[in-house]
Amino acid sequence: MRILVATSETQGERDGDYCWTVEGELVRLPGLTCPDPGCGCTRGWAGLASSRSTTTCKVVERDLDSSELLTTFTDAFARGGWLVAGDDTSWIADFVGYHRRVAETFPVDTVLGIDNDNVINRSHAR
């Protein structure tokens, strides 16, 4: 399945780029963001393993099934304190589905970023 992972590729091509994630870890779109325009949280993909962020991610093909991906997202939200026992977690499947659709929209090895709430292609012309 196609998924989104952290990458340092194209880092530094845009002002304010940052990459504090682990190369290759699964990432998700930002959730809650702060109102500080200088922060950069609105441009960061969140690493599911490291809980750190990066302004770039890459579309890759990985040998995962849907239930493994859902578990990975759910575990990351639980570790991050976004879930407590008894919470309704049905929304996570929709969130994961959105990420899968984003990954399927672009060819494998495409580097992506976020600009004004839009996912953008940051790959070099190939």
PDB file of N, CA and C in Angstrom:
ATOM      1  N   MET A   1       0.842  -1.176   0.000  1.00  0.00           N
ATOM      2  CA  MET A   1       0.000   0.000   0.000  1.00  0.00           C
ATOM      3  C   MET A   1       0.888   1.240   0.000  1.00  0.00           C
ATOM      4  N   ARG A   2       0.383   2.307  -0.601  1.00  0.00           N
ATOM      5  CA  ARG A   2       1.113   3.576  -0.572  1.00  0.00           C
ATOM      6  C   ARG A   2       0.818   4.298   0.729  1.00  0.00           C
ATOM      7  N   ILE A   3       1.892   4.800   1.324  1.00  0.00           N
ATOM      8  CA  ILE A   3       1.767   5.551   2.569  1.00  0.00           C
ATOM      9  C   ILE A   3       2.702   6.747   2.526  1.00  0.00           C
ATOM     10  N   LEU A   4       2.621   7.587   3.541  1.00  0.00           N
ATOM     11  CA  LEU A   4       3.446   8.788   3.646  1.00  0.00           C
ATOM     12  C   LEU A   4       4.469   8.601   4.757  1.00  0.00           C
ATOM     13  N   VAL A   5       5.736   8.868   4.426  1.00  0.00           N
ATOM     14  CA  VAL A   5       6.805   8.734   5.423  1.00  0.00           C
ATOM     15  C   VAL A   5       7.659   9.997   5.445  1.00  0.00           C
ATOM     16  N   ALA A   6       8.296  10.224   6.571  1.00  0.00           N
ATOM     17  CA  ALA A   6       9.181  11.377   6.730  1.00  0.00           C
ATOM     18  C   ALA A   6      10.375  11.262   5.794  1.00  0.00           C
ATOM     19  N   THR A   7      10.787  12.408   5.251  1.00  0.00           N
ATOM     20  CA  THR A   7      11.988  12.452   4.432  1.00  0.00           C
ATOM     21  C   THR A   7      12.683  13.798   4.609  1.00  0.00           C
ATOM     22  N   SER A   8      13.978  13.775   4.414  1.00  0.00           N
ATOM     23  CA  SER A   8      14.731  15.035   4.427  1.00  0.00           C
ATOM     24  C   SER A   8      14.954  15.549   3.009  1.00  0.00           C
ATOM     25  N   GLU A   9      14.464  14.808   2.021  1.00  0.00           N
ATOM     26  CA  GLU A   9      14.606  15.245   0.627  1.00  0.00           C
ATOM     27  C   GLU A   9      13.922  16.599   0.420  1.00  0.00           C
ATOM     28  N   THR A  10      14.517  17.430  -0.327  1.00  0.00           N
ATOM     29  CA  THR A  10      14.115  18.808  -0.669  1.00  0.00           C
ATOM     30  C   THR A  10      14.197  19.763   0.518  1.00  0.00           C
ATOM     31  N   GLN A  11      14.692  19.292   1.662  1.00  0.00           N
ATOM     32  CA  GLN A  11      14.846  20.179   2.817  1.00  0.00           C
ATOM     33  C   GLN A  11      15.768  21.339   2.468  1.00  0.00           C
ATOM     34  N   GLY A  12      15.391  22.521   2.881  1.00  0.00           N
ATOM     35  CA  GLY A  12      16.184  23.714   2.654  1.00  0.00           C
ATOM     36  C   GLY A  12      15.828  24.457   1.379  1.00  0.00           C
ATOM     37  N   GLU A  13      14.984  23.866   0.564  1.00  0.00           N
ATOM     38  CA  GLU A  13      14.582  24.547  -0.664  1.00  0.00           C
ATOM     39  C   GLU A  13      13.570  25.655  -0.409  1.00  0.00           C
ATOM     40  N   ARG A  14      12.894  25.588   0.716  1.00  0.00           N
ATOM     41  CA  ARG A  14      11.928  26.627   1.091  1.00  0.00           C
ATOM     42  C   ARG A  14      12.369  27.222   2.418  1.00  0.00           C
ATOM     43  N   ASP A  15      12.199  28.516   2.553  1.00  0.00           N
ATOM     44  CA  ASP A  15      12.497  29.170   3.827  1.00  0.00           C
ATOM     45  C   ASP A  15      11.683  28.510   4.933  1.00  0.00           C
ATOM     46  N   GLY A  16      12.320  28.273   6.046  1.00  0.00           N
ATOM     47  CA  GLY A  16      11.621  27.726   7.199  1.00  0.00           C
ATOM     48  C   GLY A  16      11.479  26.218   7.207  1.00  0.00           C
ATOM     49  N   ASP A  17      12.117  25.521   6.270  1.00  0.00           N
ATOM     50  CA  ASP A  17      12.063  24.062   6.299  1.00  0.00           C
ATOM     51  C   ASP A  17      12.674  23.532   7.597  1.00  0.00           C
ATOM     52  N   TYR A  18      12.149  22.415   8.066  1.00  0.00           N
ATOM     53  CA  TYR A  18      12.725  21.732   9.222  1.00  0.00           C
ATOM     54  C   TYR A  18      12.426  20.245   9.121  1.00  0.00           C
ATOM     55  N   CYS A  19      13.264  19.441   9.733  1.00  0.00           N
ATOM     56  CA  CYS A  19      13.082  17.989   9.725  1.00  0.00           C
ATOM     57  C   CYS A  19      13.633  17.421  11.030  1.00  0.00           C
ATOM     58  N   TRP A  20      12.742  17.159  11.974  1.00  0.00           N
ATOM     59  CA  TRP A  20      13.129  16.610  13.272  1.00  0.00           C
ATOM     60  C   TRP A  20      12.617  15.184  13.445  1.00  0.00           C
ATOM     61  N   THR A  21      12.051  14.615  12.399  1.00  0.00           N
ATOM     62  CA  THR A  21      11.524  13.257  12.446  1.00  0.00           C
ATOM     63  C   THR A  21      12.632  12.242  12.194  1.00  0.00           C
ATOM     64  N   VAL A  22      12.249  10.979  12.269  1.00  0.00           N
ATOM     65  CA  VAL A  22      13.152   9.881  11.914  1.00  0.00           C
ATOM     66  C   VAL A  22      12.893   9.564  10.437  1.00  0.00           C
ATOM     67  N   GLU A  23      13.941   9.577   9.636  1.00  0.00           N
ATOM     68  CA  GLU A  23      13.812   9.289   8.203  1.00  0.00           C
ATOM     69  C   GLU A  23      13.050   7.978   8.000  1.00  0.00           C
ATOM     70  N   GLY A  24      11.972   8.030   7.224  1.00  0.00           N
ATOM     71  CA  GLY A  24      11.210   6.835   6.895  1.00  0.00           C
ATOM     72  C   GLY A  24      10.061   6.489   7.824  1.00  0.00           C
ATOM     73  N   GLU A  25       9.899   7.233   8.919  1.00  0.00           N
ATOM     74  CA  GLU A  25       8.776   6.916   9.813  1.00  0.00           C
ATOM     75  C   GLU A  25       7.463   7.395   9.196  1.00  0.00           C
ATOM     76  N   LEU A  26       6.381   6.721   9.531  1.00  0.00           N
ATOM     77  CA  LEU A  26       5.061   7.131   9.069  1.00  0.00           C
ATOM     78  C   LEU A  26       4.742   8.521   9.608  1.00  0.00           C
ATOM     79  N   VAL A  27       4.052   9.328   8.784  1.00  0.00           N
ATOM     80  CA  VAL A  27       3.667  10.669   9.203  1.00  0.00           C
ATOM     81  C   VAL A  27       2.183  10.901   8.956  1.00  0.00           C
ATOM     82  N   ARG A  28       1.691  11.943   9.612  1.00  0.00           N
ATOM     83  CA  ARG A  28       0.301  12.359   9.418  1.00  0.00           C
ATOM     84  C   ARG A  28       0.267  13.874   9.268  1.00  0.00           C
ATOM     85  N   LEU A  29      -0.836  14.350   8.741  1.00  0.00           N
ATOM     86  CA  LEU A  29      -1.051  15.790   8.636  1.00  0.00           C
ATOM     87  C   LEU A  29      -1.151  16.398  10.027  1.00  0.00           C
ATOM     88  N   PRO A  30      -0.866  17.716  10.121  1.00  0.00           N
ATOM     89  CA  PRO A  30      -0.968  18.346  11.441  1.00  0.00           C
ATOM     90  C   PRO A  30      -2.399  18.290  11.954  1.00  0.00           C
ATOM     91  N   GLY A  31      -2.519  18.238  13.251  1.00  0.00           N
ATOM     92  CA  GLY A  31      -3.834  18.260  13.877  1.00  0.00           C
ATOM     93  C   GLY A  31      -4.116  19.672  14.352  1.00  0.00           C
ATOM     94  N   LEU A  32      -4.167  19.833  15.642  1.00  0.00           N
ATOM     95  CA  LEU A  32      -4.356  21.160  16.211  1.00  0.00           C
ATOM     96  C   LEU A  32      -3.109  21.992  15.962  1.00  0.00           C
ATOM     97  N   THR A  33      -3.304  23.215  15.564  1.00  0.00           N
ATOM     98  CA  THR A  33      -2.172  24.100  15.313  1.00  0.00           C
ATOM     99  C   THR A  33      -2.366  25.394  16.098  1.00  0.00           C
ATOM    100  N   CYS A  34      -1.265  26.051  16.365  1.00  0.00           N
ATOM    101  CA  CYS A  34      -1.331  27.280  17.151  1.00  0.00           C
ATOM    102  C   CYS A  34      -1.526  28.495  16.233  1.00  0.00           C
ATOM    103  N   PRO A  35      -1.907  29.627  16.804  1.00  0.00           N
ATOM    104  CA  PRO A  35      -2.134  30.822  15.984  1.00  0.00           C
ATOM    105  C   PRO A  35      -0.869  31.623  15.658  1.00  0.00           C
ATOM    106  N   ASP A  36       0.300  31.188  16.136  1.00  0.00           N
ATOM    107  CA  ASP A  36       1.536  31.931  15.909  1.00  0.00           C
ATOM    108  C   ASP A  36       2.007  31.741  14.469  1.00  0.00           C
ATOM    109  N   PRO A  37       2.002  32.776  13.636  1.00  0.00           N
ATOM    110  CA  PRO A  37       2.395  32.636  12.234  1.00  0.00           C
ATOM    111  C   PRO A  37       3.862  32.256  12.055  1.00  0.00           C
ATOM    112  N   GLY A  38       4.690  32.458  13.049  1.00  0.00           N
ATOM    113  CA  GLY A  38       6.097  32.109  12.949  1.00  0.00           C
ATOM    114  C   GLY A  38       6.417  30.699  13.412  1.00  0.00           C
ATOM    115  N   CYS A  39       5.438  29.976  13.898  1.00  0.00           N
ATOM    116  CA  CYS A  39       5.675  28.668  14.507  1.00  0.00           C
ATOM    117  C   CYS A  39       6.050  27.594  13.494  1.00  0.00           C
ATOM    118  N   GLY A  40       5.307  27.433  12.453  1.00  0.00           N
ATOM    119  CA  GLY A  40       5.567  26.391  11.480  1.00  0.00           C
ATOM    120  C   GLY A  40       4.776  25.115  11.701  1.00  0.00           C
ATOM    121  N   CYS A  41       3.964  25.066  12.756  1.00  0.00           N
ATOM    122  CA  CYS A  41       3.212  23.836  13.019  1.00  0.00           C
ATOM    123  C   CYS A  41       2.167  23.566  11.939  1.00  0.00           C
ATOM    124  N   THR A  42       1.731  24.574  11.232  1.00  0.00           N
ATOM    125  CA  THR A  42       0.746  24.371  10.167  1.00  0.00           C
ATOM    126  C   THR A  42       1.380  23.756   8.926  1.00  0.00           C
ATOM    127  N   ARG A  43       2.714  23.719   8.863  1.00  0.00           N
ATOM    128  CA  ARG A  43       3.422  23.177   7.704  1.00  0.00           C
ATOM    129  C   ARG A  43       4.044  21.821   7.978  1.00  0.00           C
ATOM    130  N   GLY A  44       3.871  21.295   9.193  1.00  0.00           N
ATOM    131  CA  GLY A  44       4.596  20.100   9.588  1.00  0.00           C
ATOM    132  C   GLY A  44       3.795  18.821   9.550  1.00  0.00           C
ATOM    133  N   TRP A  45       4.389  17.809   8.942  1.00  0.00           N
ATOM    134  CA  TRP A  45       3.872  16.449   9.011  1.00  0.00           C
ATOM    135  C   TRP A  45       4.338  15.875  10.341  1.00  0.00           C
ATOM    136  N   ALA A  46       3.449  15.272  11.101  1.00  0.00           N
ATOM    137  CA  ALA A  46       3.793  14.730  12.413  1.00  0.00           C
ATOM    138  C   ALA A  46       4.236  13.282  12.301  1.00  0.00           C
ATOM    139  N   GLY A  47       5.397  12.968  12.861  1.00  0.00           N
ATOM    140  CA  GLY A  47       5.895  11.600  12.876  1.00  0.00           C
ATOM    141  C   GLY A  47       5.127  10.754  13.873  1.00  0.00           C
ATOM    142  N   LEU A  48       4.655   9.599  13.441  1.00  0.00           N
ATOM    143  CA  LEU A  48       3.866   8.746  14.330  1.00  0.00           C
ATOM    144  C   LEU A  48       4.718   8.048  15.377  1.00  0.00           C
ATOM    145  N   ALA A  49       5.973   7.790  15.080  1.00  0.00           N
ATOM    146  CA  ALA A  49       6.841   7.122  16.055  1.00  0.00           C
ATOM    147  C   ALA A  49       7.548   8.124  16.963  1.00  0.00           C
ATOM    148  N   SER A  50       8.095   9.177  16.382  1.00  0.00           N
ATOM    149  CA  SER A  50       8.909  10.124  17.151  1.00  0.00           C
ATOM    150  C   SER A  50       8.113  11.249  17.790  1.00  0.00           C
ATOM    151  N   SER A  51       6.902  11.492  17.296  1.00  0.00           N
ATOM    152  CA  SER A  51       6.086  12.640  17.719  1.00  0.00           C
ATOM    153  C   SER A  51       6.785  13.970  17.413  1.00  0.00           C
ATOM    154  N   ARG A  52       7.681  13.949  16.461  1.00  0.00           N
ATOM    155  CA  ARG A  52       8.376  15.157  15.989  1.00  0.00           C
ATOM    156  C   ARG A  52       7.816  15.490  14.613  1.00  0.00           C
ATOM    157  N   SER A  53       8.265  16.566  14.005  1.00  0.00           N
ATOM    158  CA  SER A  53       7.668  16.948  12.725  1.00  0.00           C
ATOM    159  C   SER A  53       8.704  17.313  11.671  1.00  0.00           C
ATOM    160  N   THR A  54       8.213  17.372  10.437  1.00  0.00           N
ATOM    161  CA  THR A  54       9.025  17.701   9.280  1.00  0.00           C
ATOM    162  C   THR A  54       8.156  18.428   8.260  1.00  0.00           C
ATOM    163  N   THR A  55       8.761  19.272   7.461  1.00  0.00           N
ATOM    164  CA  THR A  55       8.003  19.962   6.415  1.00  0.00           C
ATOM    165  C   THR A  55       7.941  19.150   5.127  1.00  0.00           C
ATOM    166  N   THR A  56       8.587  17.989   5.095  1.00  0.00           N
ATOM    167  CA  THR A  56       8.545  17.151   3.901  1.00  0.00           C
ATOM    168  C   THR A  56       8.256  15.697   4.243  1.00  0.00           C
ATOM    169  N   CYS A  57       7.494  15.065   3.380  1.00  0.00           N
ATOM    170  CA  CYS A  57       7.277  13.624   3.478  1.00  0.00           C
ATOM    171  C   CYS A  57       7.319  13.062   2.068  1.00  0.00           C
ATOM    172  N   LYS A  58       7.352  11.745   1.975  1.00  0.00           N
ATOM    173  CA  LYS A  58       7.465  11.105   0.668  1.00  0.00           C
ATOM    174  C   LYS A  58       6.458   9.969   0.573  1.00  0.00           C
ATOM    175  N   VAL A  59       5.930   9.781  -0.632  1.00  0.00           N
ATOM    176  CA  VAL A  59       5.031   8.667  -0.911  1.00  0.00           C
ATOM    177  C   VAL A  59       5.885   7.434  -1.184  1.00  0.00           C
ATOM    178  N   VAL A  60       5.617   6.371  -0.427  1.00  0.00           N
ATOM    179  CA  VAL A  60       6.344   5.112  -0.613  1.00  0.00           C
ATOM    180  C   VAL A  60       5.353   3.956  -0.641  1.00  0.00           C
ATOM    181  N   GLU A  61       5.827   2.851  -1.140  1.00  0.00           N
ATOM    182  CA  GLU A  61       5.055   1.610  -1.124  1.00  0.00           C
ATOM    183  C   GLU A  61       5.596   0.763   0.018  1.00  0.00           C
ATOM    184  N   ARG A  62       4.707   0.340   0.925  1.00  0.00           N
ATOM    185  CA  ARG A  62       5.109  -0.496   2.060  1.00  0.00           C
ATOM    186  C   ARG A  62       4.183  -1.700   2.162  1.00  0.00           C
ATOM    187  N   ASP A  63       4.712  -2.763   2.716  1.00  0.00           N
ATOM    188  CA  ASP A  63       3.949  -3.987   2.905  1.00  0.00           C
ATOM    189  C   ASP A  63       3.194  -3.894   4.229  1.00  0.00           C
ATOM    190  N   LEU A  64       2.099  -3.158   4.220  1.00  0.00           N
ATOM    191  CA  LEU A  64       1.223  -3.005   5.389  1.00  0.00           C
ATOM    192  C   LEU A  64      -0.196  -3.332   4.956  1.00  0.00           C
ATOM    193  N   ASP A  65      -1.003  -3.762   5.895  1.00  0.00           N
ATOM    194  CA  ASP A  65      -2.420  -3.874   5.573  1.00  0.00           C
ATOM    195  C   ASP A  65      -3.184  -2.796   6.329  1.00  0.00           C
ATOM    196  N   SER A  66      -4.433  -2.640   5.997  1.00  0.00           N
ATOM    197  CA  SER A  66      -5.247  -1.556   6.566  1.00  0.00           C
ATOM    198  C   SER A  66      -5.321  -1.608   8.085  1.00  0.00           C
ATOM    199  N   SER A  67      -5.438  -2.815   8.649  1.00  0.00           N
ATOM    200  CA  SER A  67      -5.559  -2.913  10.107  1.00  0.00           C
ATOM    201  C   SER A  67      -4.252  -2.520  10.800  1.00  0.00           C
ATOM    202  N   GLU A  68      -3.104  -2.857  10.199  1.00  0.00           N
ATOM    203  CA  GLU A  68      -1.819  -2.453  10.777  1.00  0.00           C
ATOM    204  C   GLU A  68      -1.673  -0.928  10.756  1.00  0.00           C
ATOM    205  N   LEU A  69      -2.088  -0.327   9.664  1.00  0.00           N
ATOM    206  CA  LEU A  69      -1.998   1.129   9.558  1.00  0.00           C
ATOM    207  C   LEU A  69      -2.918   1.801  10.579  1.00  0.00           C
ATOM    208  N   LEU A  70      -4.130   1.299  10.720  1.00  0.00           N
ATOM    209  CA  LEU A  70      -5.064   1.848  11.708  1.00  0.00           C
ATOM    210  C   LEU A  70      -4.502   1.712  13.122  1.00  0.00           C
ATOM    211  N   THR A  71      -3.922   0.569  13.427  1.00  0.00           N
ATOM    212  CA  THR A  71      -3.323   0.353  14.755  1.00  0.00           C
ATOM    213  C   THR A  71      -2.172   1.332  14.993  1.00  0.00           C
ATOM    214  N   THR A  72      -1.348   1.554  13.985  1.00  0.00           N
ATOM    215  CA  THR A  72      -0.208   2.467  14.120  1.00  0.00           C
ATOM    216  C   THR A  72      -0.688   3.883  14.423  1.00  0.00           C
ATOM    217  N   PHE A  73      -1.691   4.352  13.696  1.00  0.00           N
ATOM    218  CA  PHE A  73      -2.241   5.691  13.952  1.00  0.00           C
ATOM    219  C   PHE A  73      -2.869   5.759  15.337  1.00  0.00           C
ATOM    220  N   THR A  74      -3.663   4.757  15.690  1.00  0.00           N
ATOM    221  CA  THR A  74      -4.344   4.747  16.989  1.00  0.00           C
ATOM    222  C   THR A  74      -3.336   4.740  18.135  1.00  0.00           C
ATOM    223  N   ASP A  75      -2.306   3.908  18.018  1.00  0.00           N
ATOM    224  CA  ASP A  75      -1.273   3.854  19.056  1.00  0.00           C
ATOM    225  C   ASP A  75      -0.560   5.207  19.193  1.00  0.00           C
ATOM    226  N   ALA A  76      -0.281   5.854  18.072  1.00  0.00           N
ATOM    227  CA  ALA A  76       0.396   7.162  18.114  1.00  0.00           C
ATOM    228  C   ALA A  76      -0.482   8.201  18.813  1.00  0.00           C
ATOM    229  N   PHE A  77      -1.771   8.194  18.508  1.00  0.00           N
ATOM    230  CA  PHE A  77      -2.672   9.142  19.180  1.00  0.00           C
ATOM    231  C   PHE A  77      -2.759   8.844  20.674  1.00  0.00           C
ATOM    232  N   ALA A  78      -2.791   7.579  21.043  1.00  0.00           N
ATOM    233  CA  ALA A  78      -2.859   7.209  22.463  1.00  0.00           C
ATOM    234  C   ALA A  78      -1.581   7.637  23.185  1.00  0.00           C
ATOM    235  N   ARG A  79      -0.404   7.352  22.592  1.00  0.00           N
ATOM    236  CA  ARG A  79       0.866   7.754  23.210  1.00  0.00           C
ATOM    237  C   ARG A  79       0.963   9.267  23.349  1.00  0.00           C
ATOM    238  N   GLY A  80       0.406   9.981  22.392  1.00  0.00           N
ATOM    239  CA  GLY A  80       0.467  11.441  22.416  1.00  0.00           C
ATOM    240  C   GLY A  80      -0.546  12.085  23.356  1.00  0.00           C
ATOM    241  N   GLY A  81      -1.383  11.271  24.006  1.00  0.00           N
ATOM    242  CA  GLY A  81      -2.356  11.802  24.949  1.00  0.00           C
ATOM    243  C   GLY A  81      -3.644  12.296  24.301  1.00  0.00           C
ATOM    244  N   TRP A  82      -3.856  11.955  23.025  1.00  0.00           N
ATOM    245  CA  TRP A  82      -5.061  12.402  22.325  1.00  0.00           C
ATOM    246  C   TRP A  82      -6.239  11.468  22.542  1.00  0.00           C
ATOM    247  N   LEU A  83      -5.991  10.319  23.161  1.00  0.00           N
ATOM    248  CA  LEU A  83      -7.054   9.352  23.441  1.00  0.00           C
ATOM    249  C   LEU A  83      -6.972   8.913  24.890  1.00  0.00           C
ATOM    250  N   VAL A  84      -8.128   8.678  25.483  1.00  0.00           N
ATOM    251  CA  VAL A  84      -8.186   8.071  26.815  1.00  0.00           C
ATOM    252  C   VAL A  84      -9.123   6.877  26.734  1.00  0.00           C
ATOM    253  N   ALA A  85      -9.007   6.002  27.700  1.00  0.00           N
ATOM    254  CA  ALA A  85      -9.846   4.800  27.713  1.00  0.00           C
ATOM    255  C   ALA A  85     -11.317   5.165  27.552  1.00  0.00           C
ATOM    256  N   GLY A  86     -11.987   4.444  26.682  1.00  0.00           N
ATOM    257  CA  GLY A  86     -13.409   4.668  26.468  1.00  0.00           C
ATOM    258  C   GLY A  86     -13.729   5.668  25.364  1.00  0.00           C
ATOM    259  N   ASP A  87     -12.714   6.363  24.824  1.00  0.00           N
ATOM    260  CA  ASP A  87     -12.957   7.311  23.729  1.00  0.00           C
ATOM    261  C   ASP A  87     -13.469   6.585  22.488  1.00  0.00           C
ATOM    262  N   ASP A  88     -14.319   7.277  21.744  1.00  0.00           N
ATOM    263  CA  ASP A  88     -14.756   6.794  20.437  1.00  0.00           C
ATOM    264  C   ASP A  88     -13.590   7.008  19.470  1.00  0.00           C
ATOM    265  N   THR A  89     -13.092   5.937  18.901  1.00  0.00           N
ATOM    266  CA  THR A  89     -11.951   6.039  17.986  1.00  0.00           C
ATOM    267  C   THR A  89     -12.352   5.830  16.524  1.00  0.00           C
ATOM    268  N   SER A  90     -13.633   5.814  16.239  1.00  0.00           N
ATOM    269  CA  SER A  90     -14.075   5.540  14.870  1.00  0.00           C
ATOM    270  C   SER A  90     -13.589   6.596  13.879  1.00  0.00           C
ATOM    271  N   TRP A  91     -13.353   7.796  14.341  1.00  0.00           N
ATOM    272  CA  TRP A  91     -12.887   8.873  13.454  1.00  0.00           C
ATOM    273  C   TRP A  91     -11.490   8.591  12.911  1.00  0.00           C
ATOM    274  N   ILE A  92     -10.713   7.770  13.617  1.00  0.00           N
ATOM    275  CA  ILE A  92      -9.345   7.497  13.183  1.00  0.00           C
ATOM    276  C   ILE A  92      -9.337   6.751  11.846  1.00  0.00           C
ATOM    277  N   ALA A  93     -10.277   5.870  11.630  1.00  0.00           N
ATOM    278  CA  ALA A  93     -10.351   5.146  10.354  1.00  0.00           C
ATOM    279  C   ALA A  93     -10.560   6.124   9.196  1.00  0.00           C
ATOM    280  N   ASP A  94     -11.384   7.131   9.397  1.00  0.00           N
ATOM    281  CA  ASP A  94     -11.583   8.147   8.362  1.00  0.00           C
ATOM    282  C   ASP A  94     -10.302   8.947   8.133  1.00  0.00           C
ATOM    283  N   PHE A  95      -9.618   9.271   9.213  1.00  0.00           N
ATOM    284  CA  PHE A  95      -8.361  10.026   9.140  1.00  0.00           C
ATOM    285  C   PHE A  95      -7.299   9.223   8.373  1.00  0.00           C
ATOM    286  N   VAL A  96      -7.202   7.939   8.683  1.00  0.00           N
ATOM    287  CA  VAL A  96      -6.262   7.059   7.986  1.00  0.00           C
ATOM    288  C   VAL A  96      -6.657   6.958   6.516  1.00  0.00           C
ATOM    289  N   GLY A  97      -7.936   6.831   6.249  1.00  0.00           N
ATOM    290  CA  GLY A  97      -8.417   6.753   4.870  1.00  0.00           C
ATOM    291  C   GLY A  97      -8.047   7.989   4.064  1.00  0.00           C
ATOM    292  N   TYR A  98      -8.136   9.144   4.689  1.00  0.00           N
ATOM    293  CA  TYR A  98      -7.746  10.382   4.002  1.00  0.00           C
ATOM    294  C   TYR A  98      -6.261  10.344   3.643  1.00  0.00           C
ATOM    295  N   HIS A  99      -5.425   9.903   4.570  1.00  0.00           N
ATOM    296  CA  HIS A  99      -3.994   9.809   4.307  1.00  0.00           C
ATOM    297  C   HIS A  99      -3.692   8.813   3.185  1.00  0.00           C
ATOM    298  N   ARG A 100      -4.413   7.721   3.147  1.00  0.00           N
ATOM    299  CA  ARG A 100      -4.224   6.756   2.062  1.00  0.00           C
ATOM    300  C   ARG A 100      -4.622   7.370   0.725  1.00  0.00           C
ATOM    301  N   ARG A 101      -5.700   8.135   0.699  1.00  0.00           N
ATOM    302  CA  ARG A 101      -6.117   8.786  -0.554  1.00  0.00           C
ATOM    303  C   ARG A 101      -5.079   9.803  -1.016  1.00  0.00           C
ATOM    304  N   VAL A 102      -4.513  10.547  -0.077  1.00  0.00           N
ATOM    305  CA  VAL A 102      -3.446  11.490  -0.440  1.00  0.00           C
ATOM    306  C   VAL A 102      -2.278  10.722  -1.055  1.00  0.00           C
ATOM    307  N   ALA A 103      -1.854   9.652  -0.408  1.00  0.00           N
ATOM    308  CA  ALA A 103      -0.726   8.866  -0.909  1.00  0.00           C
ATOM    309  C   ALA A 103      -1.019   8.283  -2.290  1.00  0.00           C
ATOM    310  N   GLU A 104      -2.245   7.859  -2.528  1.00  0.00           N
ATOM    311  CA  GLU A 104      -2.614   7.279  -3.822  1.00  0.00           C
ATOM    312  C   GLU A 104      -2.708   8.333  -4.930  1.00  0.00           C
ATOM    313  N   THR A 105      -2.832   9.593  -4.552  1.00  0.00           N
ATOM    314  CA  THR A 105      -2.955  10.672  -5.536  1.00  0.00           C
ATOM    315  C   THR A 105      -1.635  10.936  -6.260  1.00  0.00           C
ATOM    316  N   PHE A 106      -0.522  10.630  -5.612  1.00  0.00           N
ATOM    317  CA  PHE A 106       0.801  10.964  -6.148  1.00  0.00           C
ATOM    318  C   PHE A 106       1.590   9.693  -6.447  1.00  0.00           C
ATOM    319  N   PRO A 107       2.505   9.765  -7.428  1.00  0.00           N
ATOM    320  CA  PRO A 107       3.366   8.609  -7.711  1.00  0.00           C
ATOM    321  C   PRO A 107       4.310   8.319  -6.540  1.00  0.00           C
ATOM    322  N   VAL A 108       4.736   7.072  -6.443  1.00  0.00           N
ATOM    323  CA  VAL A 108       5.739   6.670  -5.452  1.00  0.00           C
ATOM    324  C   VAL A 108       6.975   7.547  -5.643  1.00  0.00           C
ATOM    325  N   ASP A 109       7.609   7.920  -4.553  1.00  0.00           N
ATOM    326  CA  ASP A 109       8.809   8.766  -4.479  1.00  0.00           C
ATOM    327  C   ASP A 109       8.529  10.261  -4.630  1.00  0.00           C
ATOM    328  N   THR A 110       7.263  10.663  -4.710  1.00  0.00           N
ATOM    329  CA  THR A 110       6.935  12.084  -4.736  1.00  0.00           C
ATOM    330  C   THR A 110       7.135  12.665  -3.344  1.00  0.00           C
ATOM    331  N   VAL A 111       7.840  13.789  -3.262  1.00  0.00           N
ATOM    332  CA  VAL A 111       8.033  14.496  -2.002  1.00  0.00           C
ATOM    333  C   VAL A 111       6.904  15.513  -1.870  1.00  0.00           C
ATOM    334  N   LEU A 112       6.256  15.536  -0.707  1.00  0.00           N
ATOM    335  CA  LEU A 112       5.112  16.409  -0.462  1.00  0.00           C
ATOM    336  C   LEU A 112       5.405  17.395   0.654  1.00  0.00           C
ATOM    337  N   GLY A 113       4.699  18.501   0.618  1.00  0.00           N
ATOM    338  CA  GLY A 113       4.732  19.499   1.672  1.00  0.00           C
ATOM    339  C   GLY A 113       3.317  19.976   1.934  1.00  0.00           C
ATOM    340  N   ILE A 114       3.196  20.960   2.803  1.00  0.00           N
ATOM    341  CA  ILE A 114       1.894  21.559   3.116  1.00  0.00           C
ATOM    342  C   ILE A 114       2.041  23.061   2.931  1.00  0.00           C
ATOM    343  N   ASP A 115       1.082  23.662   2.230  1.00  0.00           N
ATOM    344  CA  ASP A 115       1.087  25.096   2.005  1.00  0.00           C
ATOM    345  C   ASP A 115      -0.346  25.607   2.110  1.00  0.00           C
ATOM    346  N   ASN A 116      -0.602  26.448   3.103  1.00  0.00           N
ATOM    347  CA  ASN A 116      -1.952  26.986   3.299  1.00  0.00           C
ATOM    348  C   ASN A 116      -3.013  25.891   3.340  1.00  0.00           C
ATOM    349  N   ASP A 117      -2.787  24.888   4.150  1.00  0.00           N
ATOM    350  CA  ASP A 117      -3.712  23.765   4.334  1.00  0.00           C
ATOM    351  C   ASP A 117      -3.854  22.876   3.102  1.00  0.00           C
ATOM    352  N   ASN A 118      -3.004  23.050   2.105  1.00  0.00           N
ATOM    353  CA  ASN A 118      -3.034  22.211   0.913  1.00  0.00           C
ATOM    354  C   ASN A 118      -1.797  21.339   0.853  1.00  0.00           C
ATOM    355  N   VAL A 119      -1.993  20.082   0.462  1.00  0.00           N
ATOM    356  CA  VAL A 119      -0.857  19.196   0.234  1.00  0.00           C
ATOM    357  C   VAL A 119      -0.291  19.564  -1.135  1.00  0.00           C
ATOM    358  N   ILE A 120       1.041  19.793  -1.166  1.00  0.00           N
ATOM    359  CA  ILE A 120       1.671  20.214  -2.421  1.00  0.00           C
ATOM    360  C   ILE A 120       2.802  19.263  -2.795  1.00  0.00           C
ATOM    361  N   ASN A 121       3.068  19.181  -4.092  1.00  0.00           N
ATOM    362  CA  ASN A 121       4.166  18.377  -4.628  1.00  0.00           C
ATOM    363  C   ASN A 121       5.449  19.194  -4.528  1.00  0.00           C
ATOM    364  N   ARG A 122       6.437  18.691  -3.798  1.00  0.00           N
ATOM    365  CA  ARG A 122       7.721  19.379  -3.656  1.00  0.00           C
ATOM    366  C   ARG A 122       8.845  18.646  -4.363  1.00  0.00           C
ATOM    367  N   SER A 123       8.522  17.649  -5.158  1.00  0.00           N
ATOM    368  CA  SER A 123       9.555  16.874  -5.847  1.00  0.00           C
ATOM    369  C   SER A 123      10.254  17.707  -6.899  1.00  0.00           C
ATOM    370  N   HIS A 124      11.500  17.350  -7.123  1.00  0.00           N
ATOM    371  CA  HIS A 124      12.237  17.933  -8.241  1.00  0.00           C
ATOM    372  C   HIS A 124      11.629  17.374  -9.527  1.00  0.00           C
ATOM    373  N   ALA A 125      11.744  18.125 -10.608  1.00  0.00           N
ATOM    374  CA  ALA A 125      11.313  17.592 -11.901  1.00  0.00           C
ATOM    375  C   ALA A 125      12.168  16.370 -12.205  1.00  0.00           C
ATOM    376  N   ARG A 126      11.532  15.300 -12.557  1.00  0.00           N
ATOM    377  CA  ARG A 126      12.258  14.040 -12.821  1.00  0.00           C
ATOM    378  C   ARG A 126      12.160  13.686 -14.270  1.00  0.00           C
TER     379      ARG A 126
END
